[in-house]
Amino acid sequence: METNLTFAVQVGLNRRVGGLLSLSYPLALTALSLSVGFRGSAESSEIATSVLSAVVFIVAAPTSWVFAIDFIEASRMTVISVGVLTSFPLWFLAGFRLAVVTNIWSQWVWRYASICGLWTTTVFFLLFGLAKLSG
């Protein structure tokens, strides 16, 4: 008679929970960027807010850069939905992998916050560098 008992210590955290928790940062950034509402007026403060919300959305959904190609003419809803559908699985996989290599949730949160901070800083430096290059 064979039993399926194992006394091995589980390594890592619950991977699905880690993946789902990792969606909190891009979801918060997406909600923040969409709360602007894409206003149609031409006031300078609203234009600056719209540009900032677009940058925040690019941090949350980095695959939306594909729509910067000139021959692709997409509506705002297409850019948002495709950006979310292609970027959020990447965030999920990052949280999933982070849950595999950490043993306690506080360590996971610390590493996840570090990754989010590093990612945001990198994107802003890249955008600043592109702005400097373009004049």
C-alpha atoms as a PDB file:
ATOM      1  CA  MET A   1       0.000   0.000   0.000  1.00  0.00           C
ATOM      2  CA  GLU A   2       1.419   3.347  -1.062  1.00  0.00           C
ATOM      3  CA  THR A   3       0.691   6.668   0.620  1.00  0.00           C
ATOM      4  CA  ASN A   4       1.259  10.104  -0.796  1.00  0.00           C
ATOM      5  CA  LEU A   5       2.661  11.653   2.356  1.00  0.00           C
ATOM      6  CA  THR A   6       5.577  13.999   2.038  1.00  0.00           C
ATOM      7  CA  PHE A   7       7.518  15.707   4.771  1.00  0.00           C
ATOM      8  CA  ALA A   8       9.313  18.132   2.460  1.00  0.00           C
ATOM      9  CA  VAL A   9       9.203  21.770   3.463  1.00  0.00           C
ATOM     10  CA  GLN A  10       7.284  23.925   1.020  1.00  0.00           C
ATOM     11  CA  VAL A  11       9.582  26.423  -0.633  1.00  0.00           C
ATOM     12  CA  GLY A  12       8.117  29.773  -1.626  1.00  0.00           C
ATOM     13  CA  LEU A  13       4.726  31.346  -1.158  1.00  0.00           C
ATOM     14  CA  ASN A  14       1.403  30.731  -2.847  1.00  0.00           C
ATOM     15  CA  ARG A  15       2.225  31.572  -6.435  1.00  0.00           C
ATOM     16  CA  ARG A  16      -1.272  32.528  -7.581  1.00  0.00           C
ATOM     17  CA  VAL A  17      -1.730  34.908  -4.669  1.00  0.00           C
ATOM     18  CA  GLY A  18       1.652  36.468  -5.402  1.00  0.00           C
ATOM     19  CA  GLY A  19       0.683  36.920  -9.047  1.00  0.00           C
ATOM     20  CA  LEU A  20      -2.675  38.448  -8.175  1.00  0.00           C
ATOM     21  CA  LEU A  21      -1.151  40.764  -5.583  1.00  0.00           C
ATOM     22  CA  SER A  22       1.388  41.951  -8.119  1.00  0.00           C
ATOM     23  CA  LEU A  23      -1.469  43.370 -10.186  1.00  0.00           C
ATOM     24  CA  SER A  24      -2.204  45.942  -7.472  1.00  0.00           C
ATOM     25  CA  TYR A  25       0.422  48.455  -8.682  1.00  0.00           C
ATOM     26  CA  PRO A  26      -0.542  48.473 -12.381  1.00  0.00           C
ATOM     27  CA  LEU A  27      -4.260  48.479 -11.506  1.00  0.00           C
ATOM     28  CA  ALA A  28      -3.794  51.475  -9.212  1.00  0.00           C
ATOM     29  CA  LEU A  29      -1.772  53.324 -11.854  1.00  0.00           C
ATOM     30  CA  THR A  30      -4.297  52.519 -14.559  1.00  0.00           C
ATOM     31  CA  ALA A  31      -7.179  53.731 -12.398  1.00  0.00           C
ATOM     32  CA  LEU A  32      -5.218  56.878 -11.584  1.00  0.00           C
ATOM     33  CA  SER A  33      -4.451  57.565 -15.230  1.00  0.00           C
ATOM     34  CA  LEU A  34      -8.007  56.896 -16.379  1.00  0.00           C
ATOM     35  CA  SER A  35      -9.518  59.082 -13.678  1.00  0.00           C
ATOM     36  CA  VAL A  36      -8.475  62.122 -15.704  1.00  0.00           C
ATOM     37  CA  GLY A  37     -11.292  61.290 -18.092  1.00  0.00           C
ATOM     38  CA  PHE A  38      -9.682  62.362 -21.365  1.00  0.00           C
ATOM     39  CA  ARG A  39     -11.149  65.842 -21.232  1.00  0.00           C
ATOM     40  CA  GLY A  40     -11.616  67.619 -24.532  1.00  0.00           C
ATOM     41  CA  SER A  41     -11.042  71.214 -23.466  1.00  0.00           C
ATOM     42  CA  ALA A  42      -7.817  73.014 -24.312  1.00  0.00           C
ATOM     43  CA  GLU A  43      -6.834  74.477 -20.956  1.00  0.00           C
ATOM     44  CA  SER A  44      -3.117  74.128 -20.312  1.00  0.00           C
ATOM     45  CA  SER A  45      -3.504  72.517 -16.887  1.00  0.00           C
ATOM     46  CA  GLU A  46      -5.809  69.854 -18.285  1.00  0.00           C
ATOM     47  CA  ILE A  47      -3.421  69.158 -21.160  1.00  0.00           C
ATOM     48  CA  ALA A  48      -0.544  68.734 -18.699  1.00  0.00           C
ATOM     49  CA  THR A  49      -2.678  66.438 -16.572  1.00  0.00           C
ATOM     50  CA  SER A  50      -3.585  64.361 -19.628  1.00  0.00           C
ATOM     51  CA  VAL A  51       0.079  64.049 -20.627  1.00  0.00           C
ATOM     52  CA  LEU A  52       1.025  63.037 -17.096  1.00  0.00           C
ATOM     53  CA  SER A  53      -1.772  60.466 -16.996  1.00  0.00           C
ATOM     54  CA  ALA A  54      -0.523  59.024 -20.300  1.00  0.00           C
ATOM     55  CA  VAL A  55       2.958  58.676 -18.811  1.00  0.00           C
ATOM     56  CA  VAL A  56       1.508  56.998 -15.721  1.00  0.00           C
ATOM     57  CA  PHE A  57      -0.394  54.592 -17.977  1.00  0.00           C
ATOM     58  CA  ILE A  58       2.834  53.771 -19.840  1.00  0.00           C
ATOM     59  CA  VAL A  59       4.419  52.847 -16.505  1.00  0.00           C
ATOM     60  CA  ALA A  60       1.479  50.529 -15.759  1.00  0.00           C
ATOM     61  CA  ALA A  61       1.166  49.115 -19.281  1.00  0.00           C
ATOM     62  CA  PRO A  62       4.577  49.235 -20.971  1.00  0.00           C
ATOM     63  CA  THR A  63       3.387  47.276 -24.007  1.00  0.00           C
ATOM     64  CA  SER A  64       1.228  50.229 -25.079  1.00  0.00           C
ATOM     65  CA  TRP A  65       4.368  51.670 -26.729  1.00  0.00           C
ATOM     66  CA  VAL A  66       3.567  49.570 -29.775  1.00  0.00           C
ATOM     67  CA  PHE A  67       0.875  52.107 -30.676  1.00  0.00           C
ATOM     68  CA  ALA A  68       3.492  54.840 -31.085  1.00  0.00           C
ATOM     69  CA  ILE A  69       4.216  53.442 -34.563  1.00  0.00           C
ATOM     70  CA  ASP A  70       2.960  55.896 -37.180  1.00  0.00           C
ATOM     71  CA  PHE A  71       0.994  53.508 -39.377  1.00  0.00           C
ATOM     72  CA  ILE A  72      -1.095  52.158 -36.484  1.00  0.00           C
ATOM     73  CA  GLU A  73      -4.125  54.343 -35.949  1.00  0.00           C
ATOM     74  CA  ALA A  74      -5.897  53.152 -32.830  1.00  0.00           C
ATOM     75  CA  SER A  75      -8.542  54.694 -30.651  1.00  0.00           C
ATOM     76  CA  ARG A  76      -7.937  55.428 -26.979  1.00  0.00           C
ATOM     77  CA  MET A  77     -10.045  52.472 -25.910  1.00  0.00           C
ATOM     78  CA  THR A  78      -8.021  50.138 -28.139  1.00  0.00           C
ATOM     79  CA  VAL A  79      -4.731  51.402 -26.735  1.00  0.00           C
ATOM     80  CA  ILE A  80      -5.958  51.020 -23.159  1.00  0.00           C
ATOM     81  CA  SER A  81      -7.530  47.587 -23.578  1.00  0.00           C
ATOM     82  CA  VAL A  82      -4.659  46.065 -25.579  1.00  0.00           C
ATOM     83  CA  GLY A  83      -2.107  47.662 -23.247  1.00  0.00           C
ATOM     84  CA  VAL A  84      -3.835  46.148 -20.228  1.00  0.00           C
ATOM     85  CA  LEU A  85      -4.356  42.746 -21.878  1.00  0.00           C
ATOM     86  CA  THR A  86      -0.699  42.474 -22.864  1.00  0.00           C
ATOM     87  CA  SER A  87       0.980  44.094 -19.855  1.00  0.00           C
ATOM     88  CA  PHE A  88      -0.931  42.685 -16.916  1.00  0.00           C
ATOM     89  CA  PRO A  89       0.147  39.092 -17.627  1.00  0.00           C
ATOM     90  CA  LEU A  90       3.752  40.315 -17.431  1.00  0.00           C
ATOM     91  CA  TRP A  91       3.081  41.851 -14.015  1.00  0.00           C
ATOM     92  CA  PHE A  92       1.323  38.647 -12.928  1.00  0.00           C
ATOM     93  CA  LEU A  93       4.291  36.533 -13.991  1.00  0.00           C
ATOM     94  CA  ALA A  94       6.668  38.844 -12.136  1.00  0.00           C
ATOM     95  CA  GLY A  95       4.662  38.455  -8.912  1.00  0.00           C
ATOM     96  CA  PHE A  96       4.329  34.729  -9.536  1.00  0.00           C
ATOM     97  CA  ARG A  97       8.100  34.344  -9.906  1.00  0.00           C
ATOM     98  CA  LEU A  98       8.753  36.550  -6.895  1.00  0.00           C
ATOM     99  CA  ALA A  99       6.493  34.304  -4.807  1.00  0.00           C
ATOM    100  CA  VAL A 100       8.557  31.299  -5.872  1.00  0.00           C
ATOM    101  CA  VAL A 101      11.833  32.744  -4.595  1.00  0.00           C
ATOM    102  CA  THR A 102      10.615  34.313  -1.320  1.00  0.00           C
ATOM    103  CA  ASN A 103       9.595  32.558   1.868  1.00  0.00           C
ATOM    104  CA  ILE A 104       7.647  35.199   3.828  1.00  0.00           C
ATOM    105  CA  TRP A 105       5.109  37.775   2.698  1.00  0.00           C
ATOM    106  CA  SER A 106       6.909  40.742   4.221  1.00  0.00           C
ATOM    107  CA  GLN A 107       9.960  39.881   2.142  1.00  0.00           C
ATOM    108  CA  TRP A 108       7.729  39.558  -0.945  1.00  0.00           C
ATOM    109  CA  VAL A 109       6.174  42.983  -0.321  1.00  0.00           C
ATOM    110  CA  TRP A 110       9.584  44.599   0.197  1.00  0.00           C
ATOM    111  CA  ARG A 111      10.988  43.084  -3.011  1.00  0.00           C
ATOM    112  CA  TYR A 112       7.835  43.920  -4.971  1.00  0.00           C
ATOM    113  CA  ALA A 113       7.926  47.552  -3.809  1.00  0.00           C
ATOM    114  CA  SER A 114      11.593  47.708  -4.781  1.00  0.00           C
ATOM    115  CA  ILE A 115      10.846  46.310  -8.243  1.00  0.00           C
ATOM    116  CA  CYS A 116       7.978  48.779  -8.743  1.00  0.00           C
ATOM    117  CA  GLY A 117      10.120  51.706  -7.643  1.00  0.00           C
ATOM    118  CA  LEU A 118      12.994  50.649  -9.866  1.00  0.00           C
ATOM    119  CA  TRP A 119      10.655  50.119 -12.821  1.00  0.00           C
ATOM    120  CA  THR A 120       9.009  53.531 -12.399  1.00  0.00           C
ATOM    121  CA  THR A 121      12.358  55.293 -12.031  1.00  0.00           C
ATOM    122  CA  THR A 122      13.739  53.537 -15.111  1.00  0.00           C
ATOM    123  CA  VAL A 123      10.746  54.484 -17.253  1.00  0.00           C
ATOM    124  CA  PHE A 124      10.927  58.127 -16.175  1.00  0.00           C
ATOM    125  CA  PHE A 125      14.666  58.274 -16.898  1.00  0.00           C
ATOM    126  CA  LEU A 126      14.095  56.719 -20.321  1.00  0.00           C
ATOM    127  CA  LEU A 127      11.357  59.230 -21.087  1.00  0.00           C
ATOM    128  CA  PHE A 128      13.582  62.059 -19.883  1.00  0.00           C
ATOM    129  CA  GLY A 129      16.408  60.792 -22.088  1.00  0.00           C
ATOM    130  CA  LEU A 130      14.114  60.559 -25.117  1.00  0.00           C
ATOM    131  CA  ALA A 131      12.849  64.071 -24.456  1.00  0.00           C
ATOM    132  CA  LYS A 132      16.423  65.375 -24.287  1.00  0.00           C
ATOM    133  CA  LEU A 133      17.332  63.609 -27.523  1.00  0.00           C
ATOM    134  CA  SER A 134      14.312  64.965 -29.387  1.00  0.00           C
ATOM    135  CA  GLY A 135      15.054  68.510 -28.313  1.00  0.00           C
END
